[in-house]
Amino acid sequence: MDVLAVYSDKVVIAECKGTKSPTEYEKIDVWITKKIPAFKKWFEKQELFRNKSLEFEYWSTSGYEIAAKEALDEFKDSYTKHKVNYFGPLEIRAFATQMKNKKLKESLDNFFLKSKV
């Protein structure tokens, strides 16, 4: 778990990859088959989160290999118990721009998204 974001109505557990090459299918498969079930089990034991929904996100500054993206799409469409989403470089940059945080956008552009957007 790279990020645990707790809101008034939901909890978001995010995996984040800042690599030079696209995220491989193997990493996505581990996230889907091992990490999500473990996070879900942990979440269900937390008294503090009893009345909150759970969401899973995967962020990759280099995007995804074709097989990885296909696995994410299939999982996102078939897993209805909790919301699942994933983001590549274009979506990440759009979030930073939408936040109107100049330093965040500059950091993303200079260190993670150099030639990807």
C-alpha atoms as a PDB file:
ATOM      1  CA  MET A   1       0.000   0.000   0.000  1.00  0.00           C
ATOM      2  CA  ASP A   2       1.580   3.224  -1.124  1.00  0.00           C
ATOM      3  CA  VAL A   3      -1.258   5.605  -0.241  1.00  0.00           C
ATOM      4  CA  LEU A   4      -4.081   5.325   2.260  1.00  0.00           C
ATOM      5  CA  ALA A   5      -6.481   8.243   1.843  1.00  0.00           C
ATOM      6  CA  VAL A   6      -9.292   8.487   4.379  1.00  0.00           C
ATOM      7  CA  TYR A   7     -12.253  10.723   3.541  1.00  0.00           C
ATOM      8  CA  SER A   8     -15.503  11.295   5.391  1.00  0.00           C
ATOM      9  CA  ASP A   9     -17.346   8.724   3.262  1.00  0.00           C
ATOM     10  CA  LYS A  10     -14.653   6.487   1.761  1.00  0.00           C
ATOM     11  CA  VAL A  11     -11.172   5.020   2.017  1.00  0.00           C
ATOM     12  CA  VAL A  12      -8.906   4.868  -1.023  1.00  0.00           C
ATOM     13  CA  ILE A  13      -5.992   2.450  -1.128  1.00  0.00           C
ATOM     14  CA  ALA A  14      -3.584   3.244  -3.951  1.00  0.00           C
ATOM     15  CA  GLU A  15      -0.582   1.553  -5.476  1.00  0.00           C
ATOM     16  CA  CYS A  16       1.815   3.975  -7.194  1.00  0.00           C
ATOM     17  CA  LYS A  17       4.591   3.270  -9.694  1.00  0.00           C
ATOM     18  CA  GLY A  18       7.041   5.921 -10.872  1.00  0.00           C
ATOM     19  CA  THR A  19       9.096   3.829 -13.284  1.00  0.00           C
ATOM     20  CA  LYS A  20      10.705   4.531 -16.655  1.00  0.00           C
ATOM     21  CA  SER A  21       8.970   1.663 -18.427  1.00  0.00           C
ATOM     22  CA  PRO A  22       5.274   0.753 -18.583  1.00  0.00           C
ATOM     23  CA  THR A  23       3.906  -1.324 -15.710  1.00  0.00           C
ATOM     24  CA  GLU A  24       4.032  -5.022 -16.532  1.00  0.00           C
ATOM     25  CA  TYR A  25       1.192  -7.520 -16.429  1.00  0.00           C
ATOM     26  CA  GLU A  26       2.921  -9.453 -13.624  1.00  0.00           C
ATOM     27  CA  LYS A  27       2.751  -6.460 -11.262  1.00  0.00           C
ATOM     28  CA  ILE A  28      -0.922  -5.942 -12.053  1.00  0.00           C
ATOM     29  CA  ASP A  29      -1.644  -9.637 -11.546  1.00  0.00           C
ATOM     30  CA  VAL A  30      -0.019  -9.559  -8.083  1.00  0.00           C
ATOM     31  CA  TRP A  31      -1.987  -6.420  -7.215  1.00  0.00           C
ATOM     32  CA  ILE A  32      -5.282  -7.981  -8.296  1.00  0.00           C
ATOM     33  CA  THR A  33      -4.790 -11.495  -6.915  1.00  0.00           C
ATOM     34  CA  LYS A  34      -2.751 -10.899  -3.750  1.00  0.00           C
ATOM     35  CA  LYS A  35      -2.667  -7.282  -2.652  1.00  0.00           C
ATOM     36  CA  ILE A  36      -6.317  -6.304  -3.120  1.00  0.00           C
ATOM     37  CA  PRO A  37      -7.598  -9.339  -1.154  1.00  0.00           C
ATOM     38  CA  ALA A  38      -5.097  -8.603   1.641  1.00  0.00           C
ATOM     39  CA  PHE A  39      -6.008  -4.903   1.768  1.00  0.00           C
ATOM     40  CA  LYS A  40      -9.712  -5.752   1.738  1.00  0.00           C
ATOM     41  CA  LYS A  41      -9.267  -8.168   4.639  1.00  0.00           C
ATOM     42  CA  TRP A  42      -7.320  -5.549   6.604  1.00  0.00           C
ATOM     43  CA  PHE A  43      -9.913  -2.860   5.816  1.00  0.00           C
ATOM     44  CA  GLU A  44     -12.792  -5.017   7.076  1.00  0.00           C
ATOM     45  CA  LYS A  45     -11.091  -5.379  10.474  1.00  0.00           C
ATOM     46  CA  GLN A  46     -10.776  -1.620  10.996  1.00  0.00           C
ATOM     47  CA  GLU A  47     -13.483  -0.367  13.327  1.00  0.00           C
ATOM     48  CA  LEU A  48     -12.752   3.215  12.281  1.00  0.00           C
ATOM     49  CA  PHE A  49     -13.782   2.455   8.664  1.00  0.00           C
ATOM     50  CA  ARG A  50     -17.058   0.606   9.367  1.00  0.00           C
ATOM     51  CA  ASN A  51     -19.317   3.142   7.613  1.00  0.00           C
ATOM     52  CA  LYS A  52     -17.001   3.989   4.725  1.00  0.00           C
ATOM     53  CA  SER A  53     -16.813   2.557   1.235  1.00  0.00           C
ATOM     54  CA  LEU A  54     -13.525   1.171  -0.073  1.00  0.00           C
ATOM     55  CA  GLU A  55     -11.861   2.064  -3.378  1.00  0.00           C
ATOM     56  CA  PHE A  56      -8.703   0.757  -5.028  1.00  0.00           C
ATOM     57  CA  GLU A  57      -6.501   2.743  -7.398  1.00  0.00           C
ATOM     58  CA  TYR A  58      -3.341   2.024  -9.380  1.00  0.00           C
ATOM     59  CA  TRP A  59      -1.216   4.967 -10.539  1.00  0.00           C
ATOM     60  CA  SER A  60       1.604   4.504 -13.080  1.00  0.00           C
ATOM     61  CA  THR A  61       3.564   7.464 -14.427  1.00  0.00           C
ATOM     62  CA  SER A  62       4.759   5.332 -17.366  1.00  0.00           C
ATOM     63  CA  GLY A  63       1.430   3.793 -18.269  1.00  0.00           C
ATOM     64  CA  TYR A  64       0.798   0.077 -18.748  1.00  0.00           C
ATOM     65  CA  GLU A  65       1.833  -2.729 -21.042  1.00  0.00           C
ATOM     66  CA  ILE A  66      -1.048  -3.909 -23.244  1.00  0.00           C
ATOM     67  CA  ALA A  67      -1.632  -7.105 -21.226  1.00  0.00           C
ATOM     68  CA  ALA A  68      -1.538  -5.136 -17.973  1.00  0.00           C
ATOM     69  CA  LYS A  69      -4.100  -2.622 -19.241  1.00  0.00           C
ATOM     70  CA  GLU A  70      -6.338  -5.438 -20.465  1.00  0.00           C
ATOM     71  CA  ALA A  71      -6.148  -7.123 -17.037  1.00  0.00           C
ATOM     72  CA  LEU A  72      -6.987  -3.835 -15.326  1.00  0.00           C
ATOM     73  CA  ASP A  73      -9.933  -3.201 -17.650  1.00  0.00           C
ATOM     74  CA  GLU A  74     -11.283  -6.712 -17.128  1.00  0.00           C
ATOM     75  CA  PHE A  75     -10.895  -6.515 -13.353  1.00  0.00           C
ATOM     76  CA  LYS A  76     -12.410  -3.027 -13.172  1.00  0.00           C
ATOM     77  CA  ASP A  77     -15.451  -4.182 -15.155  1.00  0.00           C
ATOM     78  CA  SER A  78     -15.978  -7.461 -13.278  1.00  0.00           C
ATOM     79  CA  TYR A  79     -15.185  -6.470  -9.678  1.00  0.00           C
ATOM     80  CA  THR A  80     -18.339  -4.795  -8.437  1.00  0.00           C
ATOM     81  CA  LYS A  81     -17.895  -5.022  -4.657  1.00  0.00           C
ATOM     82  CA  HIS A  82     -15.589  -1.987  -4.537  1.00  0.00           C
ATOM     83  CA  LYS A  83     -14.708   0.760  -6.986  1.00  0.00           C
ATOM     84  CA  VAL A  84     -11.477   0.141  -8.902  1.00  0.00           C
ATOM     85  CA  ASN A  85      -9.676   2.661 -11.074  1.00  0.00           C
ATOM     86  CA  TYR A  86      -6.280   3.133 -12.650  1.00  0.00           C
ATOM     87  CA  PHE A  87      -4.398   6.123 -13.981  1.00  0.00           C
ATOM     88  CA  GLY A  88      -1.601   6.628 -16.482  1.00  0.00           C
ATOM     89  CA  PRO A  89       0.553   9.682 -17.191  1.00  0.00           C
ATOM     90  CA  LEU A  90      -2.134  11.719 -18.954  1.00  0.00           C
ATOM     91  CA  GLU A  91      -4.660  11.239 -16.136  1.00  0.00           C
ATOM     92  CA  ILE A  92      -2.049  11.937 -13.459  1.00  0.00           C
ATOM     93  CA  ARG A  93      -1.010  15.169 -15.136  1.00  0.00           C
ATOM     94  CA  ALA A  94      -4.672  16.177 -15.547  1.00  0.00           C
ATOM     95  CA  PHE A  95      -5.199  15.667 -11.789  1.00  0.00           C
ATOM     96  CA  ALA A  96      -2.174  17.835 -11.001  1.00  0.00           C
ATOM     97  CA  THR A  97      -3.373  20.548 -13.382  1.00  0.00           C
ATOM     98  CA  GLN A  98      -6.900  20.424 -11.937  1.00  0.00           C
ATOM     99  CA  MET A  99      -5.518  20.871  -8.408  1.00  0.00           C
ATOM    100  CA  LYS A 100      -3.863  24.132  -9.501  1.00  0.00           C
ATOM    101  CA  ASN A 101      -0.768  23.218  -7.498  1.00  0.00           C
ATOM    102  CA  LYS A 102       2.086  24.649  -9.567  1.00  0.00           C
ATOM    103  CA  LYS A 103       4.856  22.905  -7.582  1.00  0.00           C
ATOM    104  CA  LEU A 104       3.165  19.507  -7.818  1.00  0.00           C
ATOM    105  CA  LYS A 105       2.692  19.901 -11.567  1.00  0.00           C
ATOM    106  CA  GLU A 106       6.330  21.004 -12.006  1.00  0.00           C
ATOM    107  CA  SER A 107       7.592  18.056  -9.947  1.00  0.00           C
ATOM    108  CA  LEU A 108       5.520  15.595 -11.965  1.00  0.00           C
ATOM    109  CA  ASP A 109       6.653  17.127 -15.250  1.00  0.00           C
ATOM    110  CA  ASN A 110      10.331  17.327 -14.280  1.00  0.00           C
ATOM    111  CA  PHE A 111      10.802  14.003 -12.512  1.00  0.00           C
ATOM    112  CA  PHE A 112       8.098  11.551 -13.575  1.00  0.00           C
ATOM    113  CA  LEU A 113       6.408  12.624 -16.790  1.00  0.00           C
ATOM    114  CA  LYS A 114       9.324  14.142 -18.725  1.00  0.00           C
ATOM    115  CA  SER A 115       8.483  12.791 -22.175  1.00  0.00           C
ATOM    116  CA  LYS A 116       5.293  10.894 -21.486  1.00  0.00           C
ATOM    117  CA  VAL A 117       2.694  13.648 -21.988  1.00  0.00           C
END
